[in-house]
């Protein structure tokens, strides 16, 4: 039973980490910010800049980086 509970906890933790794998970060609290994807930071475009930390970001169907 303990092993089952531990496996559920680790499963939930890995799901939580996957949700935050792609997120937007404002460095210094201003500017367009960056998008963290797969261990690397990509600068957000000025016209689609990051509005707050941990907002979603990524690439759209046109392979353009977006930040929210």
N, C-alpha and C. Protein backbone atom coordinates (compact mmCIF):
# COMPACT_ATOMS: atom_id res chain seq x y z
N UNK A 1 0.82 -1.20 0.00
CA UNK A 1 0.00 0.00 0.00
C UNK A 1 0.87 1.26 0.00
N UNK A 2 1.93 1.24 0.78
CA UNK A 2 2.83 2.38 0.83
C UNK A 2 3.49 2.61 -0.54
N UNK A 3 3.86 1.53 -1.18
CA UNK A 3 4.48 1.64 -2.50
C UNK A 3 3.51 2.27 -3.50
N UNK A 4 2.25 1.88 -3.42
CA UNK A 4 1.23 2.46 -4.31
C UNK A 4 1.08 3.96 -4.06
N UNK A 5 1.03 4.36 -2.80
CA UNK A 5 0.90 5.78 -2.46
C UNK A 5 2.09 6.58 -2.97
N UNK A 6 3.29 6.02 -2.84
CA UNK A 6 4.48 6.70 -3.34
C UNK A 6 4.44 6.84 -4.85
N UNK A 7 3.98 5.82 -5.54
CA UNK A 7 3.92 5.89 -7.00
C UNK A 7 2.92 6.95 -7.45
N UNK A 8 1.81 7.10 -6.73
CA UNK A 8 0.83 8.13 -7.05
C UNK A 8 1.43 9.52 -6.83
N UNK A 9 2.15 9.69 -5.74
CA UNK A 9 2.78 10.98 -5.45
C UNK A 9 3.79 11.34 -6.53
N UNK A 10 4.64 10.39 -6.93
CA UNK A 10 5.63 10.67 -7.97
C UNK A 10 4.96 10.93 -9.31
N UNK A 11 3.87 10.27 -9.58
CA UNK A 11 3.14 10.50 -10.82
C UNK A 11 2.58 11.92 -10.86
N UNK A 12 1.99 12.35 -9.76
CA UNK A 12 1.46 13.72 -9.69
C UNK A 12 2.57 14.75 -9.79
N UNK A 13 3.70 14.48 -9.17
CA UNK A 13 4.83 15.41 -9.23
C UNK A 13 5.36 15.54 -10.65
N UNK A 14 5.47 14.44 -11.36
CA UNK A 14 5.97 14.50 -12.74
C UNK A 14 4.99 15.23 -13.64
N UNK A 15 3.69 15.09 -13.38
CA UNK A 15 2.68 15.83 -14.14
C UNK A 15 2.81 17.32 -13.88
N UNK A 16 3.03 17.71 -12.65
CA UNK A 16 3.20 19.12 -12.30
C UNK A 16 4.43 19.69 -12.98
N UNK A 17 5.51 18.93 -13.04
CA UNK A 17 6.72 19.40 -13.71
C UNK A 17 6.49 19.55 -15.20
N UNK A 18 5.74 18.66 -15.80
CA UNK A 18 5.47 18.73 -17.23
C UNK A 18 4.68 19.99 -17.58
N UNK A 19 3.77 20.39 -16.70
CA UNK A 19 2.97 21.59 -16.93
C UNK A 19 3.87 22.82 -17.00
N UNK A 20 4.91 22.85 -16.17
CA UNK A 20 5.78 24.02 -16.12
C UNK A 20 7.01 23.88 -17.02
N UNK A 21 7.02 22.89 -17.90
CA UNK A 21 8.17 22.71 -18.78
C UNK A 21 8.30 23.89 -19.74
N UNK A 22 7.18 24.45 -20.16
CA UNK A 22 7.17 25.64 -21.03
C UNK A 22 6.50 26.75 -20.25
N UNK A 23 7.26 27.78 -19.94
CA UNK A 23 6.67 28.91 -19.24
C UNK A 23 7.44 30.18 -19.54
N UNK A 24 6.76 31.26 -19.38
CA UNK A 24 7.27 32.59 -19.65
C UNK A 24 7.88 33.19 -18.37
N UNK A 25 8.97 33.91 -18.51
CA UNK A 25 9.63 34.52 -17.36
C UNK A 25 9.99 35.97 -17.68
N UNK A 26 9.65 36.86 -16.78
CA UNK A 26 10.04 38.26 -16.91
C UNK A 26 11.33 38.46 -16.12
N UNK A 27 12.41 38.71 -16.80
CA UNK A 27 13.68 38.94 -16.13
C UNK A 27 13.74 40.39 -15.67
N UNK A 28 13.85 40.60 -14.39
CA UNK A 28 13.87 41.96 -13.86
C UNK A 28 12.49 42.60 -13.80
N UNK A 29 11.45 41.84 -14.09
CA UNK A 29 10.08 42.34 -13.99
C UNK A 29 9.60 43.21 -15.13
N UNK A 30 10.36 43.27 -16.23
CA UNK A 30 9.94 44.11 -17.35
C UNK A 30 10.49 43.56 -18.65
N UNK A 31 10.13 44.23 -19.75
CA UNK A 31 10.62 43.82 -21.06
C UNK A 31 9.81 42.69 -21.66
N UNK A 32 10.22 42.24 -22.83
CA UNK A 32 9.45 41.19 -23.50
C UNK A 32 9.52 39.84 -22.78
N UNK A 33 10.56 39.62 -21.98
CA UNK A 33 10.69 38.37 -21.24
C UNK A 33 11.26 37.24 -22.08
N UNK A 34 11.27 36.06 -21.51
CA UNK A 34 11.80 34.88 -22.19
C UNK A 34 10.85 33.71 -22.00
N UNK A 35 10.95 32.76 -22.92
CA UNK A 35 10.15 31.54 -22.86
C UNK A 35 11.10 30.38 -22.58
N UNK A 36 10.85 29.68 -21.49
CA UNK A 36 11.67 28.54 -21.10
C UNK A 36 11.07 27.28 -21.74
N UNK A 37 11.82 26.67 -22.65
CA UNK A 37 11.37 25.46 -23.34
C UNK A 37 12.50 24.44 -23.31
N UNK A 38 12.25 23.31 -22.71
CA UNK A 38 13.19 22.20 -22.74
C UNK A 38 14.58 22.53 -22.23
N UNK A 39 14.67 23.33 -21.19
CA UNK A 39 15.97 23.65 -20.60
C UNK A 39 16.67 24.85 -21.19
N UNK A 40 16.03 25.53 -22.15
CA UNK A 40 16.64 26.70 -22.80
C UNK A 40 15.69 27.89 -22.75
N UNK A 41 16.26 29.08 -22.66
CA UNK A 41 15.47 30.31 -22.67
C UNK A 41 15.49 30.91 -24.07
N UNK A 42 14.31 31.26 -24.59
CA UNK A 42 14.16 31.88 -25.90
C UNK A 42 13.54 33.26 -25.68
N UNK A 43 14.12 34.33 -26.25
CA UNK A 43 13.55 35.66 -26.05
C UNK A 43 12.16 35.78 -26.69
N UNK A 44 11.22 36.33 -25.95
CA UNK A 44 9.86 36.53 -26.47
C UNK A 44 9.88 37.70 -27.45
N UNK A 45 9.06 37.62 -28.51
CA UNK A 45 8.97 38.76 -29.42
C UNK A 45 8.28 39.94 -28.73
N UNK A 46 8.66 41.14 -29.11
CA UNK A 46 8.11 42.35 -28.48
C UNK A 46 6.60 42.43 -28.69
N UNK A 47 6.12 42.05 -29.88
CA UNK A 47 4.67 42.15 -30.15
C UNK A 47 3.86 41.04 -29.47
N UNK A 48 4.53 40.03 -28.92
CA UNK A 48 3.83 38.95 -28.19
C UNK A 48 4.60 38.67 -26.91
N UNK A 49 4.83 39.73 -26.14
CA UNK A 49 5.69 39.61 -24.97
C UNK A 49 5.01 38.95 -23.78
N UNK A 50 5.84 38.49 -22.87
CA UNK A 50 5.40 37.87 -21.63
C UNK A 50 4.76 38.94 -20.74
N UNK A 51 3.60 38.62 -20.15
CA UNK A 51 2.93 39.59 -19.29
C UNK A 51 3.14 39.32 -17.80
N UNK A 52 3.51 38.08 -17.46
CA UNK A 52 3.75 37.72 -16.05
C UNK A 52 4.51 36.40 -16.00
N UNK A 53 5.21 36.17 -14.91
CA UNK A 53 5.92 34.91 -14.74
C UNK A 53 4.96 33.72 -14.77
N UNK A 54 5.45 32.62 -15.30
CA UNK A 54 4.73 31.34 -15.37
C UNK A 54 3.52 31.34 -16.29
N UNK A 55 3.41 32.33 -17.17
CA UNK A 55 2.36 32.30 -18.18
C UNK A 55 2.77 31.32 -19.28
N UNK A 56 1.81 30.79 -20.04
CA UNK A 56 2.16 29.85 -21.10
C UNK A 56 2.90 30.52 -22.25
N UNK A 57 3.73 29.75 -22.92
CA UNK A 57 4.44 30.22 -24.10
C UNK A 57 4.81 29.00 -24.93
N UNK A 58 5.29 29.22 -26.13
CA UNK A 58 5.68 28.12 -27.00
C UNK A 58 5.68 28.56 -28.44
N UNK A 59 5.58 27.59 -29.34
CA UNK A 59 5.56 27.88 -30.76
C UNK A 59 4.17 27.56 -31.31
N UNK A 60 3.64 28.45 -32.15
CA UNK A 60 2.33 28.22 -32.75
C UNK A 60 2.47 27.37 -34.01
N UNK A 61 1.36 27.20 -34.72
CA UNK A 61 1.36 26.34 -35.92
C UNK A 61 2.23 26.91 -37.04
N UNK A 62 2.54 28.20 -36.98
CA UNK A 62 3.41 28.84 -37.98
C UNK A 62 4.86 28.89 -37.53
N UNK A 63 5.17 28.16 -36.46
CA UNK A 63 6.51 28.10 -35.87
C UNK A 63 7.01 29.46 -35.38
N UNK A 64 6.06 30.31 -34.97
CA UNK A 64 6.38 31.61 -34.39
C UNK A 64 6.28 31.50 -32.87
N UNK A 65 7.28 32.02 -32.17
CA UNK A 65 7.27 31.98 -30.71
C UNK A 65 6.20 32.94 -30.19
N UNK A 66 5.41 32.47 -29.25
CA UNK A 66 4.42 33.33 -28.60
C UNK A 66 4.61 33.27 -27.09
N UNK A 67 4.32 34.35 -26.43
CA UNK A 67 4.35 34.45 -24.98
C UNK A 67 3.07 35.15 -24.57
N UNK A 68 2.52 34.79 -23.42
CA UNK A 68 1.25 35.40 -22.97
C UNK A 68 1.45 36.18 -21.70
